[in-house]
């Protein structure tokens, strides 16, 4: 969906497709009909934005084949869909039975991560709507915290220099700028905005910046206003925001049985106590009896309360959106709703059919849309003539 800020900026709101398992082009196109088009129709939106996730093998194939990129652009346009942002954090197999620490590999010390991200940038250039100011790609915050040493830090720095150079070259060739955004996450080298200021102060901010995931911000027990002030002081732009909410437990010892309903084998659910103690997964936090309150890296639906008496960090989300978009100037123009955990929610909260999942995604987007409108943004329709406009590659090749 498209919204207009009072300062005139066009703000894009999308949902992230890493909730879906497809990892080849035919499967991705199939999920557009199964989920994305029904979500758009439920919202009565003329155009729906997707934060597209492309696994590394399909990204490599698309980057090498202009014809397949044109096909994907046509398939999106035919369904009233558009893409200004990609999720480049998971490399592949993100909905496998067990993901856990595998999602952090390959990391930014490797050429595999660089190649994958530049492939995504080449694809995004050809998917961007003609009136989009820029594209964005979110990525992991360098690496998981262990192992980490000077050699790995130096390797990451070299890859980031190559990344910025590659994005600059692509921008010169295409005239379509694409920026990459590093996403602080619990347990990683860059866990918080303070870590971002420490590890990313020398990056080329014309091309590189921060993806602020609001669930991660909450799990780090960061105050949104202070966190954004830290980024501004470091000169790090917020390139993308992932509109997400984490799981909260005010009295985890009392509510341990309910919390155990959220323990599951697929994803890592880093848990942080307000007092400082931490665990790398929810079951480990329960076994260690960390003092409460807790915030748990478990993306819960924005519009629906988790199992009582647990809470969500929607108040942090609201505060962050207010800081970013409630003032005279929009602090970010790419917002992506990223709840990838629908398939592992406790049974009573888990969609049982594709229609129910599409309904849940639509409800989250409606929630985010209404929050933004309450801040003074206004919905904007995309001109009908633009909804099937050709991609950059169709114009130039």
Protein backbone atom coordinates (compact mmCIF):
# COMPACT_ATOMS: atom_id res chain seq x y z
CA UNK A 1 0.00 0.00 0.00
CA UNK A 2 1.02 3.57 -0.59
CA UNK A 3 0.67 6.44 1.83
CA UNK A 4 1.65 10.10 1.62
CA UNK A 5 3.40 11.87 4.48
CA UNK A 6 2.65 15.50 5.22
CA UNK A 7 6.11 16.41 3.92
CA UNK A 8 5.14 15.03 0.51
CA UNK A 9 7.16 11.81 0.69
CA UNK A 10 5.60 8.64 -0.67
CA UNK A 11 5.71 5.95 2.02
CA UNK A 12 5.48 2.30 0.97
CA UNK A 13 3.85 -0.31 3.25
CA UNK A 14 4.28 -3.97 2.35
CA UNK A 15 4.24 -7.43 3.87
CA UNK A 16 7.25 -9.73 3.85
CA UNK A 17 6.90 -12.99 1.95
CA UNK A 18 9.46 -14.90 4.03
CA UNK A 19 6.39 -16.33 5.77
CA UNK A 20 5.95 -18.50 2.65
CA UNK A 21 8.25 -21.44 1.81
CA UNK A 22 8.51 -21.22 -2.00
CA UNK A 23 12.12 -21.09 -3.27
CA UNK A 24 11.78 -21.34 -7.06
CA UNK A 25 10.22 -18.90 -9.50
CA UNK A 26 7.13 -20.98 -10.26
CA UNK A 27 6.50 -21.46 -6.54
CA UNK A 28 6.92 -17.74 -5.89
CA UNK A 29 4.46 -16.87 -8.64
CA UNK A 30 2.06 -19.47 -7.23
CA UNK A 31 2.16 -17.86 -3.79
CA UNK A 32 1.14 -14.55 -5.36
CA UNK A 33 -2.20 -16.13 -6.25
CA UNK A 34 -2.54 -18.09 -3.01
CA UNK A 35 -1.76 -15.22 -0.65
CA UNK A 36 -0.79 -11.84 -2.07
CA UNK A 37 -3.71 -11.24 -4.40
CA UNK A 38 -6.29 -12.37 -1.80
CA UNK A 39 -4.64 -10.07 0.76
CA UNK A 40 -4.88 -7.13 -1.64
CA UNK A 41 -8.52 -7.90 -2.34
CA UNK A 42 -9.37 -8.17 1.38
CA UNK A 43 -7.82 -4.74 1.90
CA UNK A 44 -9.60 -3.30 -1.15
CA UNK A 45 -6.23 -1.86 -2.21
CA UNK A 46 -5.55 -1.04 -5.85
CA UNK A 47 -1.88 -1.96 -5.33
CA UNK A 48 -0.28 -4.09 -2.61
CA UNK A 49 3.40 -3.92 -1.79
CA UNK A 50 5.42 -7.07 -1.17
CA UNK A 51 8.66 -7.28 0.76
CA UNK A 52 9.78 -10.11 -1.46
CA UNK A 53 12.05 -12.87 -0.15
CA UNK A 54 14.08 -14.70 -2.77
CA UNK A 55 16.27 -17.61 -1.69
CA UNK A 56 19.84 -17.56 -2.99
CA UNK A 57 19.40 -20.11 -5.83
CA UNK A 58 16.41 -18.35 -7.40
CA UNK A 59 18.07 -14.97 -6.84
CA UNK A 60 21.16 -16.14 -8.75
CA UNK A 61 19.00 -17.45 -11.59
CA UNK A 62 16.95 -14.24 -11.84
CA UNK A 63 20.03 -12.02 -11.68
CA UNK A 64 21.47 -13.91 -14.65
CA UNK A 65 18.31 -13.87 -16.79
CA UNK A 66 16.66 -10.60 -17.81
CA UNK A 67 13.80 -12.51 -19.40
CA UNK A 68 12.89 -14.17 -16.10
CA UNK A 69 13.07 -10.81 -14.33
CA UNK A 70 10.65 -9.40 -16.90
CA UNK A 71 8.39 -12.38 -16.34
CA UNK A 72 8.34 -11.81 -12.58
CA UNK A 73 7.60 -8.11 -13.07
CA UNK A 74 4.69 -8.92 -15.40
CA UNK A 75 3.28 -11.50 -12.98
CA UNK A 76 3.41 -8.98 -10.13
CA UNK A 77 1.80 -6.20 -12.14
CA UNK A 78 -0.96 -8.48 -13.44
CA UNK A 79 -2.04 -9.09 -9.83
CA UNK A 80 -1.85 -5.49 -8.66
CA UNK A 81 1.40 -6.06 -6.74
CA UNK A 82 4.61 -4.05 -6.52
CA UNK A 83 8.03 -4.42 -4.93
CA UNK A 84 10.31 -1.70 -3.54
CA UNK A 85 12.06 -3.78 -0.89
CA UNK A 86 13.54 -7.26 -0.60
CA UNK A 87 14.35 -9.28 2.50
CA UNK A 88 17.91 -10.49 2.04
CA UNK A 89 18.46 -11.83 5.59
CA UNK A 90 17.61 -15.55 5.17
CA UNK A 91 19.87 -17.10 2.54
CA UNK A 92 17.69 -20.13 1.87
CA UNK A 93 15.40 -22.73 3.52
CA UNK A 94 13.85 -20.20 5.91
CA UNK A 95 10.73 -22.30 6.46
CA UNK A 96 12.63 -25.57 6.89
CA UNK A 97 11.65 -27.77 9.87
CA UNK A 98 14.70 -26.48 11.78
CA UNK A 99 16.31 -23.11 11.05
CA UNK A 100 17.70 -21.76 14.35
CA UNK A 101 21.33 -20.54 13.93
CA UNK A 102 21.46 -21.52 10.24
CA UNK A 103 19.74 -18.25 9.32
CA UNK A 104 22.95 -16.35 10.16
CA UNK A 105 24.98 -18.21 7.54
CA UNK A 106 26.64 -17.29 5.30
CA UNK A 107 27.51 -14.09 7.11
CA UNK A 108 29.13 -10.85 5.95
CA UNK A 109 32.66 -12.23 6.23
CA UNK A 110 31.94 -14.36 3.14
CA UNK A 111 31.76 -13.71 -0.59
CA UNK A 112 28.58 -15.82 -0.72
CA UNK A 113 26.71 -13.18 1.29
CA UNK A 114 28.07 -10.38 -0.91
CA UNK A 115 27.19 -12.17 -4.14
CA UNK A 116 23.68 -12.97 -2.93
CA UNK A 117 23.00 -9.38 -1.92
CA UNK A 118 24.27 -7.92 -5.19
CA UNK A 119 22.12 -10.46 -7.07
CA UNK A 120 19.11 -9.14 -5.14
CA UNK A 121 20.03 -5.56 -6.02
CA UNK A 122 20.21 -6.42 -9.73
CA UNK A 123 16.76 -8.01 -9.52
CA UNK A 124 15.23 -5.14 -7.57
CA UNK A 125 16.36 -2.56 -10.14
CA UNK A 126 14.08 -4.29 -12.64
CA UNK A 127 11.15 -4.72 -10.24
CA UNK A 128 10.98 -1.16 -8.90
CA UNK A 129 7.92 0.89 -9.89
CA UNK A 130 8.88 3.75 -12.18
CA UNK A 131 7.94 6.35 -9.56
CA UNK A 132 9.81 4.71 -6.66
CA UNK A 133 12.55 6.93 -5.28
CA UNK A 134 14.78 3.96 -4.46
CA UNK A 135 14.87 0.29 -3.53
CA UNK A 136 15.99 -1.32 -0.28
CA UNK A 137 17.31 -4.69 0.85
CA UNK A 138 17.46 -5.74 4.50
CA UNK A 139 20.26 -8.05 5.61
CA UNK A 140 21.73 -9.67 8.69
CA UNK A 141 23.74 -7.57 11.20
CA UNK A 142 27.16 -8.81 10.06
CA UNK A 143 27.17 -12.17 11.87
CA UNK A 144 26.15 -14.18 14.88
CA UNK A 145 28.27 -13.00 17.83
CA UNK A 146 30.34 -16.21 18.02
CA UNK A 147 32.90 -16.75 16.66
CA UNK A 148 33.92 -13.11 16.25
CA UNK A 149 37.43 -11.72 16.20
CA UNK A 150 39.54 -9.10 14.49
CA UNK A 151 40.04 -11.22 11.38
CA UNK A 152 36.29 -11.70 10.89
CA UNK A 153 35.63 -8.03 11.58
CA UNK A 154 38.21 -7.06 8.96
CA UNK A 155 36.70 -9.50 6.46
CA UNK A 156 33.25 -7.98 7.03
CA UNK A 157 34.62 -4.47 6.53
CA UNK A 158 36.14 -5.48 3.18
CA UNK A 159 32.89 -7.04 2.01
CA UNK A 160 30.91 -3.95 2.99
CA UNK A 161 33.27 -1.77 0.98
CA UNK A 162 32.75 -4.08 -2.01
CA UNK A 163 29.01 -3.99 -1.44
CA UNK A 164 28.89 -0.19 -1.47
CA UNK A 165 31.04 -0.11 -4.61
CA UNK A 166 28.79 -2.67 -6.32
CA UNK A 167 25.62 -0.75 -5.42
CA UNK A 168 27.17 2.51 -6.64
CA UNK A 169 28.11 0.90 -9.94
CA UNK A 170 24.63 -0.56 -10.36
CA UNK A 171 23.10 2.81 -9.57
CA UNK A 172 25.22 4.53 -12.21
CA UNK A 173 24.29 1.94 -14.83
CA UNK A 174 20.57 1.82 -14.09
CA UNK A 175 19.73 5.21 -12.63
CA UNK A 176 17.80 3.30 -9.93
CA UNK A 177 19.45 3.50 -6.49
CA UNK A 178 19.21 0.45 -4.20
CA UNK A 179 20.37 0.67 -0.58
CA UNK A 180 21.20 -2.18 1.80
CA UNK A 181 20.06 -2.03 5.43
CA UNK A 182 21.67 -3.95 8.30
CA UNK A 183 19.14 -5.25 10.81
CA UNK A 184 20.18 -5.30 14.49
CA UNK A 185 19.03 -8.55 16.09
CA UNK A 186 19.47 -10.15 19.53
CA UNK A 187 22.51 -12.41 19.74
CA UNK A 188 24.27 -10.93 16.73
CA UNK A 189 27.39 -8.79 16.49
CA UNK A 190 25.06 -5.84 15.94
CA UNK A 191 22.33 -6.45 18.51
CA UNK A 192 21.30 -2.86 19.26
CA UNK A 193 21.53 0.64 17.85
CA UNK A 194 24.54 1.21 20.12
CA UNK A 195 26.21 -1.80 18.46
CA UNK A 196 25.35 -0.36 15.05
CA UNK A 197 27.06 2.89 16.00
CA UNK A 198 30.08 0.87 17.15
CA UNK A 199 30.48 -1.51 14.21
CA UNK A 200 29.06 0.43 11.26
CA UNK A 201 30.31 4.02 11.67
CA UNK A 202 32.56 3.95 8.61
CA UNK A 203 30.10 2.53 6.05
CA UNK A 204 29.17 4.48 2.94
CA UNK A 205 25.80 5.84 4.03
CA UNK A 206 24.82 6.81 0.51
CA UNK A 207 24.30 3.08 -0.07
CA UNK A 208 24.27 1.43 3.37
CA UNK A 209 22.20 2.02 6.48
CA UNK A 210 19.97 0.41 9.09
CA UNK A 211 16.87 -1.75 8.97
CA UNK A 212 15.04 -1.07 12.22
CA UNK A 213 13.05 -4.16 13.19
CA UNK A 214 10.64 -2.99 15.89
CA UNK A 215 10.40 -6.40 17.58
CA UNK A 216 14.20 -6.53 17.85
CA UNK A 217 14.25 -2.97 19.18
CA UNK A 218 11.82 -4.01 21.89
CA UNK A 219 13.77 -7.17 22.75
CA UNK A 220 16.86 -5.05 23.33
CA UNK A 221 14.77 -2.97 25.76
CA UNK A 222 15.66 0.13 23.76
CA UNK A 223 13.63 3.31 23.98
CA UNK A 224 12.66 4.27 20.41
CA UNK A 225 13.46 7.96 20.77
CA UNK A 226 16.87 7.25 22.32
CA UNK A 227 17.64 4.57 19.74
CA UNK A 228 16.90 6.88 16.84
CA UNK A 229 19.00 9.62 18.47
CA UNK A 230 21.89 7.13 18.67
CA UNK A 231 21.59 6.37 14.96
CA UNK A 232 21.39 10.05 14.05
CA UNK A 233 24.47 10.83 16.12
CA UNK A 234 26.34 8.05 14.31
CA UNK A 235 25.17 9.33 10.91
CA UNK A 236 23.40 6.04 10.15
CA UNK A 237 20.17 6.44 8.13
CA UNK A 238 17.10 4.28 8.75
CA UNK A 239 16.69 2.79 5.27
CA UNK A 240 13.89 0.36 6.14
CA UNK A 241 11.58 -0.43 9.05
CA UNK A 242 10.22 -3.89 9.78
CA UNK A 243 6.89 -3.35 11.49
CA UNK A 244 6.84 -6.20 13.98
CA UNK A 245 5.97 -6.98 17.58
CA UNK A 246 7.71 -9.31 20.03
CA UNK A 247 6.29 -11.48 22.80
CA UNK A 248 6.28 -10.06 26.32
CA UNK A 249 6.03 -11.75 29.71
CA UNK A 250 5.73 -9.57 32.80
CA UNK A 251 5.87 -12.53 35.19
CA UNK A 252 7.59 -15.39 33.32
CA UNK A 253 7.90 -17.67 36.38
CA UNK A 254 4.16 -17.43 37.00
CA UNK A 255 3.35 -17.84 33.30
CA UNK A 256 5.94 -20.50 32.44
CA UNK A 257 3.33 -23.02 31.28
CA UNK A 258 1.85 -20.54 28.80
CA UNK A 259 5.32 -19.56 27.59
CA UNK A 260 6.18 -23.20 26.94
CA UNK A 261 3.38 -23.18 24.37
CA UNK A 262 5.61 -20.89 22.30
CA UNK A 263 8.66 -23.17 22.43
CA UNK A 264 9.08 -24.71 18.98
CA UNK A 265 11.89 -26.25 16.90
CA UNK A 266 12.08 -24.02 13.82
CA UNK A 267 13.21 -20.54 14.84
CA UNK A 268 15.51 -19.09 17.47
CA UNK A 269 13.62 -17.09 20.11
CA UNK A 270 16.25 -15.04 21.92
CA UNK A 271 14.97 -13.94 25.32
CA UNK A 272 16.05 -10.82 27.19
CA UNK A 273 15.30 -9.79 30.77
CA UNK A 274 14.91 -6.11 31.58
CA UNK A 275 17.56 -6.69 34.25
CA UNK A 276 20.16 -7.84 31.73
CA UNK A 277 20.30 -11.67 31.83
CA UNK A 278 19.74 -13.27 28.44
CA UNK A 279 19.23 -16.62 26.76
CA UNK A 280 19.56 -17.59 23.13
CA UNK A 281 16.25 -19.45 23.03
CA UNK A 282 12.99 -19.47 24.94
CA UNK A 283 13.36 -22.97 26.35
CA UNK A 284 16.82 -22.08 27.65
CA UNK A 285 15.40 -18.97 29.33
CA UNK A 286 12.70 -21.04 31.01
CA UNK A 287 15.22 -23.62 32.19
CA UNK A 288 17.55 -20.89 33.50
CA UNK A 289 14.67 -19.13 35.28
CA UNK A 290 15.79 -15.68 34.14
CA UNK A 291 14.33 -12.85 36.22
CA UNK A 292 11.39 -11.05 34.60
CA UNK A 293 10.00 -9.15 32.87
CA UNK A 294 11.04 -10.72 29.58
CA UNK A 295 10.84 -9.82 25.94
CA UNK A 296 11.12 -12.72 23.53
CA UNK A 297 12.22 -12.58 19.89
CA UNK A 298 9.03 -14.17 18.67
CA UNK A 299 7.21 -12.14 16.04
CA UNK A 300 3.54 -12.19 17.04
CA UNK A 301 0.63 -10.91 14.92
CA UNK A 302 0.28 -7.14 15.23
CA UNK A 303 -3.49 -7.04 15.49
CA UNK A 304 -4.14 -9.94 17.89
CA UNK A 305 -3.16 -10.45 21.51
CA UNK A 306 -0.95 -13.47 22.28
CA UNK A 307 -2.05 -16.20 24.68
CA UNK A 308 -3.16 -14.58 27.94
CA UNK A 309 -1.66 -13.32 30.17
CA UNK A 310 1.28 -12.75 27.83
CA UNK A 311 1.57 -9.41 26.05
CA UNK A 312 3.08 -8.02 22.87
CA UNK A 313 5.37 -5.07 22.34
CA UNK A 314 2.88 -3.13 20.21
CA UNK A 315 3.35 -0.08 22.51
CA UNK A 316 7.02 0.01 21.46
CA UNK A 317 5.94 -0.30 17.83
CA UNK A 318 3.56 2.66 18.22
CA UNK A 319 6.20 4.77 19.90
CA UNK A 320 8.75 4.01 17.19
CA UNK A 321 6.34 4.77 14.34
CA UNK A 322 5.46 8.01 16.09
CA UNK A 323 9.12 9.01 16.31
CA UNK A 324 9.79 8.06 12.70
CA UNK A 325 6.65 9.27 10.96
CA UNK A 326 4.69 11.43 13.39
CA UNK A 327 6.75 14.58 12.87
CA UNK A 328 7.20 17.13 10.13
CA UNK A 329 9.52 14.87 8.12
CA UNK A 330 9.24 11.17 7.35
CA UNK A 331 12.15 9.30 8.91
CA UNK A 332 11.76 6.30 6.60
CA UNK A 333 9.75 5.54 3.46
CA UNK A 334 9.96 1.71 3.34
CA UNK A 335 7.89 -0.16 5.94
CA UNK A 336 7.49 -3.94 5.81
CA UNK A 337 5.24 -6.01 8.08
CA UNK A 338 7.33 -9.07 8.94
CA UNK A 339 5.52 -11.78 10.89
CA UNK A 340 7.16 -14.96 9.62
CA UNK A 341 6.07 -17.14 12.57
CA UNK A 342 2.42 -17.80 11.64
CA UNK A 343 3.19 -21.48 11.03
CA UNK A 344 4.72 -22.08 14.47
CA UNK A 345 2.27 -20.18 16.67
CA UNK A 346 0.53 -22.17 19.41
CA UNK A 347 -2.24 -24.24 17.83
CA UNK A 348 -5.07 -22.03 19.09
CA UNK A 349 -3.52 -18.98 17.39
CA UNK A 350 -2.21 -20.67 14.23
CA UNK A 351 -3.98 -20.39 10.85
CA UNK A 352 -5.19 -23.78 9.66
CA UNK A 353 -5.88 -22.90 6.02
CA UNK A 354 -4.36 -20.68 3.34
CA UNK A 355 -7.46 -18.49 3.53
CA UNK A 356 -6.96 -17.98 7.26
CA UNK A 357 -3.31 -17.05 6.74
CA UNK A 358 -4.23 -14.56 4.02
CA UNK A 359 -6.83 -13.12 6.38
CA UNK A 360 -4.28 -12.77 9.17
CA UNK A 361 -1.77 -11.02 6.91
CA UNK A 362 -4.48 -8.65 5.68
CA UNK A 363 -5.49 -7.87 9.28
CA UNK A 364 -1.88 -7.04 10.17
CA UNK A 365 -1.55 -4.73 7.18
CA UNK A 366 -4.82 -3.04 8.07
CA UNK A 367 -3.51 -2.53 11.62
CA UNK A 368 -0.28 -0.97 10.33
CA UNK A 369 -2.15 1.17 7.80
CA UNK A 370 -4.48 2.50 10.50
CA UNK A 371 -1.56 3.29 12.82
CA UNK A 372 0.09 5.30 10.05
CA UNK A 373 -3.11 7.12 9.17
CA UNK A 374 -3.53 8.02 12.85
CA UNK A 375 -0.13 9.72 12.60
CA UNK A 376 -1.42 11.90 9.78
CA UNK A 377 -0.38 9.93 6.71
CA UNK A 378 -2.97 9.58 3.98
CA UNK A 379 -3.70 6.66 1.70
CA UNK A 380 -2.76 7.23 -1.90
CA UNK A 381 -3.91 5.38 -4.97
CA UNK A 382 -1.50 4.52 -7.70
CA UNK A 383 -2.62 5.92 -11.06
CA UNK A 384 -4.28 3.20 -13.10
CA UNK A 385 -1.93 3.78 -16.00
CA UNK A 386 1.04 2.99 -13.75
CA UNK A 387 -0.27 -0.30 -12.39
CA UNK A 388 0.91 -2.22 -15.43
CA UNK A 389 3.83 0.03 -16.32
CA UNK A 390 6.84 -1.74 -17.85
CA UNK A 391 9.87 -2.45 -15.74
CA UNK A 392 13.21 -0.74 -16.24
CA UNK A 393 14.48 -3.79 -18.13
CA UNK A 394 11.53 -3.74 -20.52
CA UNK A 395 12.21 -0.10 -21.34
CA UNK A 396 15.97 -0.40 -21.77
CA UNK A 397 16.52 -3.85 -23.25
